[in-house]
Amino acid sequence: MSKWNNTLAVTIMTVTLAGCANMTHQQKNTAIGATLGGIAGSVLTNGSPVGTVGGAVVGGVIGNKVKH
């Protein structure tokens, strides 16, 4: 079941990021940060929904603040 979940997560992330073509650079960074933060939060908390959402929120905030 874990392999199925990982495949589904990667597929959803790929489709979501493909929709970023018309986004600003800051919006892309926010989306990428939220995605990576959610994955990291899920991994670090063994799939806890609270950890996943918390990681996505923190990742999104960090991604939003990143400047080039």
N, C-alpha and C. Protein backbone atom coordinates (compact mmCIF):
# COMPACT_ATOMS: atom_id res chain seq x y z
N MET A 1 0.82 -1.20 0.00
CA MET A 1 0.00 0.00 0.00
C MET A 1 0.86 1.26 0.00
N SER A 2 1.99 1.24 0.66
CA SER A 2 2.85 2.41 0.73
C SER A 2 3.37 2.79 -0.66
N LYS A 3 3.72 1.78 -1.47
CA LYS A 3 4.21 2.07 -2.81
C LYS A 3 3.11 2.75 -3.63
N TRP A 4 1.87 2.31 -3.48
CA TRP A 4 0.74 2.92 -4.16
C TRP A 4 0.58 4.38 -3.75
N ASN A 5 0.69 4.65 -2.46
CA ASN A 5 0.56 6.02 -1.96
C ASN A 5 1.66 6.92 -2.51
N ASN A 6 2.87 6.40 -2.55
CA ASN A 6 3.99 7.18 -3.09
C ASN A 6 3.78 7.49 -4.57
N THR A 7 3.33 6.50 -5.32
CA THR A 7 3.08 6.70 -6.75
C THR A 7 1.98 7.73 -6.95
N LEU A 8 0.93 7.62 -6.17
CA LEU A 8 -0.17 8.58 -6.26
C LEU A 8 0.30 9.99 -5.91
N ALA A 9 1.11 10.13 -4.88
CA ALA A 9 1.61 11.44 -4.46
C ALA A 9 2.47 12.07 -5.55
N VAL A 10 3.34 11.28 -6.17
CA VAL A 10 4.20 11.79 -7.24
C VAL A 10 3.36 12.20 -8.45
N THR A 11 2.36 11.40 -8.76
CA THR A 11 1.48 11.72 -9.90
C THR A 11 0.73 13.02 -9.65
N ILE A 12 0.18 13.17 -8.47
CA ILE A 12 -0.56 14.40 -8.14
C ILE A 12 0.37 15.61 -8.17
N MET A 13 1.58 15.44 -7.63
CA MET A 13 2.53 16.55 -7.63
C MET A 13 2.89 16.94 -9.07
N THR A 14 3.10 15.97 -9.93
CA THR A 14 3.47 16.24 -11.32
C THR A 14 2.35 16.99 -12.04
N VAL A 15 1.13 16.52 -11.88
CA VAL A 15 0.00 17.18 -12.53
C VAL A 15 -0.18 18.59 -11.98
N THR A 16 -0.04 18.75 -10.68
CA THR A 16 -0.20 20.06 -10.06
C THR A 16 0.86 21.04 -10.56
N LEU A 17 2.09 20.59 -10.59
CA LEU A 17 3.17 21.48 -11.03
C LEU A 17 3.10 21.78 -12.52
N ALA A 18 2.49 20.90 -13.29
CA ALA A 18 2.32 21.16 -14.72
C ALA A 18 1.38 22.34 -14.94
N GLY A 19 0.51 22.61 -14.00
CA GLY A 19 -0.41 23.73 -14.11
C GLY A 19 0.21 25.07 -13.73
N CYS A 20 1.50 25.11 -13.50
CA CYS A 20 2.18 26.33 -13.04
C CYS A 20 2.65 27.22 -14.20
N ALA A 21 2.28 26.91 -15.42
CA ALA A 21 2.82 27.64 -16.57
C ALA A 21 2.50 29.13 -16.53
N ASN A 22 1.32 29.50 -16.06
CA ASN A 22 0.93 30.91 -16.06
C ASN A 22 1.09 31.59 -14.70
N MET A 23 1.83 30.96 -13.81
CA MET A 23 2.01 31.52 -12.47
C MET A 23 3.25 32.41 -12.43
N THR A 24 3.23 33.36 -11.49
CA THR A 24 4.42 34.19 -11.28
C THR A 24 5.49 33.34 -10.61
N HIS A 25 6.69 33.87 -10.58
CA HIS A 25 7.80 33.15 -9.96
C HIS A 25 7.52 32.91 -8.47
N GLN A 26 6.97 33.89 -7.80
CA GLN A 26 6.67 33.76 -6.37
C GLN A 26 5.58 32.71 -6.14
N GLN A 27 4.58 32.67 -6.99
CA GLN A 27 3.52 31.67 -6.86
C GLN A 27 4.07 30.26 -7.07
N LYS A 28 4.97 30.12 -8.04
CA LYS A 28 5.59 28.81 -8.28
C LYS A 28 6.40 28.37 -7.07
N ASN A 29 7.17 29.30 -6.51
CA ASN A 29 7.96 28.97 -5.32
C ASN A 29 7.06 28.55 -4.16
N THR A 30 5.93 29.22 -4.00
CA THR A 30 4.99 28.89 -2.93
C THR A 30 4.44 27.49 -3.13
N ALA A 31 4.02 27.17 -4.35
CA ALA A 31 3.47 25.84 -4.65
C ALA A 31 4.51 24.75 -4.46
N ILE A 32 5.71 24.99 -4.93
CA ILE A 32 6.78 24.00 -4.78
C ILE A 32 7.13 23.82 -3.31
N GLY A 33 7.23 24.91 -2.58
CA GLY A 33 7.53 24.83 -1.15
C GLY A 33 6.47 24.07 -0.38
N ALA A 34 5.19 24.33 -0.70
CA ALA A 34 4.09 23.63 -0.03
C ALA A 34 4.11 22.14 -0.35
N THR A 35 4.39 21.81 -1.59
CA THR A 35 4.45 20.40 -1.99
C THR A 35 5.58 19.68 -1.28
N LEU A 36 6.76 20.25 -1.34
CA LEU A 36 7.92 19.61 -0.71
C LEU A 36 7.77 19.59 0.81
N GLY A 37 7.22 20.64 1.39
CA GLY A 37 6.98 20.67 2.83
C GLY A 37 5.98 19.63 3.26
N GLY A 38 4.93 19.44 2.46
CA GLY A 38 3.94 18.42 2.77
C GLY A 38 4.53 17.02 2.71
N ILE A 39 5.35 16.78 1.72
CA ILE A 39 6.02 15.47 1.61
C ILE A 39 6.95 15.26 2.79
N ALA A 40 7.75 16.27 3.09
CA ALA A 40 8.69 16.16 4.22
C ALA A 40 7.94 15.96 5.53
N GLY A 41 6.87 16.71 5.73
CA GLY A 41 6.09 16.58 6.95
C GLY A 41 5.48 15.19 7.09
N SER A 42 5.01 14.65 5.98
CA SER A 42 4.44 13.31 5.99
C SER A 42 5.49 12.26 6.32
N VAL A 43 6.65 12.40 5.72
CA VAL A 43 7.74 11.43 5.96
C VAL A 43 8.22 11.50 7.40
N LEU A 44 8.40 12.71 7.90
CA LEU A 44 8.95 12.88 9.25
C LEU A 44 7.97 12.47 10.35
N THR A 45 6.66 12.49 10.04
CA THR A 45 5.68 12.15 11.07
C THR A 45 4.97 10.82 10.76
N ASN A 46 5.58 10.03 9.89
CA ASN A 46 5.02 8.72 9.51
C ASN A 46 3.60 8.81 8.99
N GLY A 47 3.32 9.80 8.17
CA GLY A 47 2.03 9.93 7.51
C GLY A 47 0.95 10.63 8.30
N SER A 48 1.30 11.26 9.39
CA SER A 48 0.32 11.98 10.19
C SER A 48 -0.29 13.13 9.38
N PRO A 49 -1.62 13.22 9.34
CA PRO A 49 -2.23 14.34 8.61
C PRO A 49 -1.82 15.71 9.15
N VAL A 50 -1.68 15.81 10.45
CA VAL A 50 -1.26 17.08 11.05
C VAL A 50 0.16 17.44 10.61
N GLY A 51 1.05 16.45 10.61
CA GLY A 51 2.42 16.67 10.16
C GLY A 51 2.50 17.05 8.70
N THR A 52 1.65 16.42 7.89
CA THR A 52 1.64 16.70 6.46
C THR A 52 1.15 18.12 6.19
N VAL A 53 0.05 18.50 6.81
CA VAL A 53 -0.49 19.85 6.62
C VAL A 53 0.46 20.89 7.20
N GLY A 54 1.02 20.61 8.37
CA GLY A 54 1.98 21.53 8.98
C GLY A 54 3.19 21.74 8.09
N GLY A 55 3.70 20.65 7.53
CA GLY A 55 4.85 20.75 6.62
C GLY A 55 4.50 21.54 5.38
N ALA A 56 3.28 21.35 4.85
CA ALA A 56 2.86 22.10 3.66
C ALA A 56 2.75 23.59 3.95
N VAL A 57 2.23 23.92 5.12
CA VAL A 57 2.09 25.34 5.49
C VAL A 57 3.46 25.98 5.63
N VAL A 58 4.34 25.33 6.36
CA VAL A 58 5.68 25.89 6.57
C VAL A 58 6.43 25.98 5.24
N GLY A 59 6.34 24.93 4.43
CA GLY A 59 7.01 24.94 3.12
C GLY A 59 6.46 26.02 2.22
N GLY A 60 5.15 26.23 2.25
CA GLY A 60 4.55 27.28 1.43
C GLY A 60 4.99 28.66 1.84
N VAL A 61 5.08 28.90 3.13
CA VAL A 61 5.54 30.20 3.63
C VAL A 61 6.99 30.43 3.23
N ILE A 62 7.83 29.41 3.41
CA ILE A 62 9.24 29.56 3.04
C ILE A 62 9.37 29.78 1.54
N GLY A 63 8.63 29.00 0.74
CA GLY A 63 8.67 29.17 -0.70
C GLY A 63 8.22 30.55 -1.14
N ASN A 64 7.23 31.08 -0.46
CA ASN A 64 6.71 32.40 -0.78
C ASN A 64 7.73 33.49 -0.51
N LYS A 65 8.58 33.30 0.47
CA LYS A 65 9.55 34.32 0.87
C LYS A 65 10.86 34.24 0.11
N VAL A 66 11.08 33.15 -0.63
CA VAL A 66 12.35 32.97 -1.36
C VAL A 66 12.38 33.97 -2.52
N LYS A 67 13.47 34.66 -2.63
CA LYS A 67 13.69 35.62 -3.73
C LYS A 67 14.96 35.23 -4.47
N HIS A 68 14.98 35.54 -5.76
CA HIS A 68 16.20 35.26 -6.54
C HIS A 68 17.04 36.49 -6.64
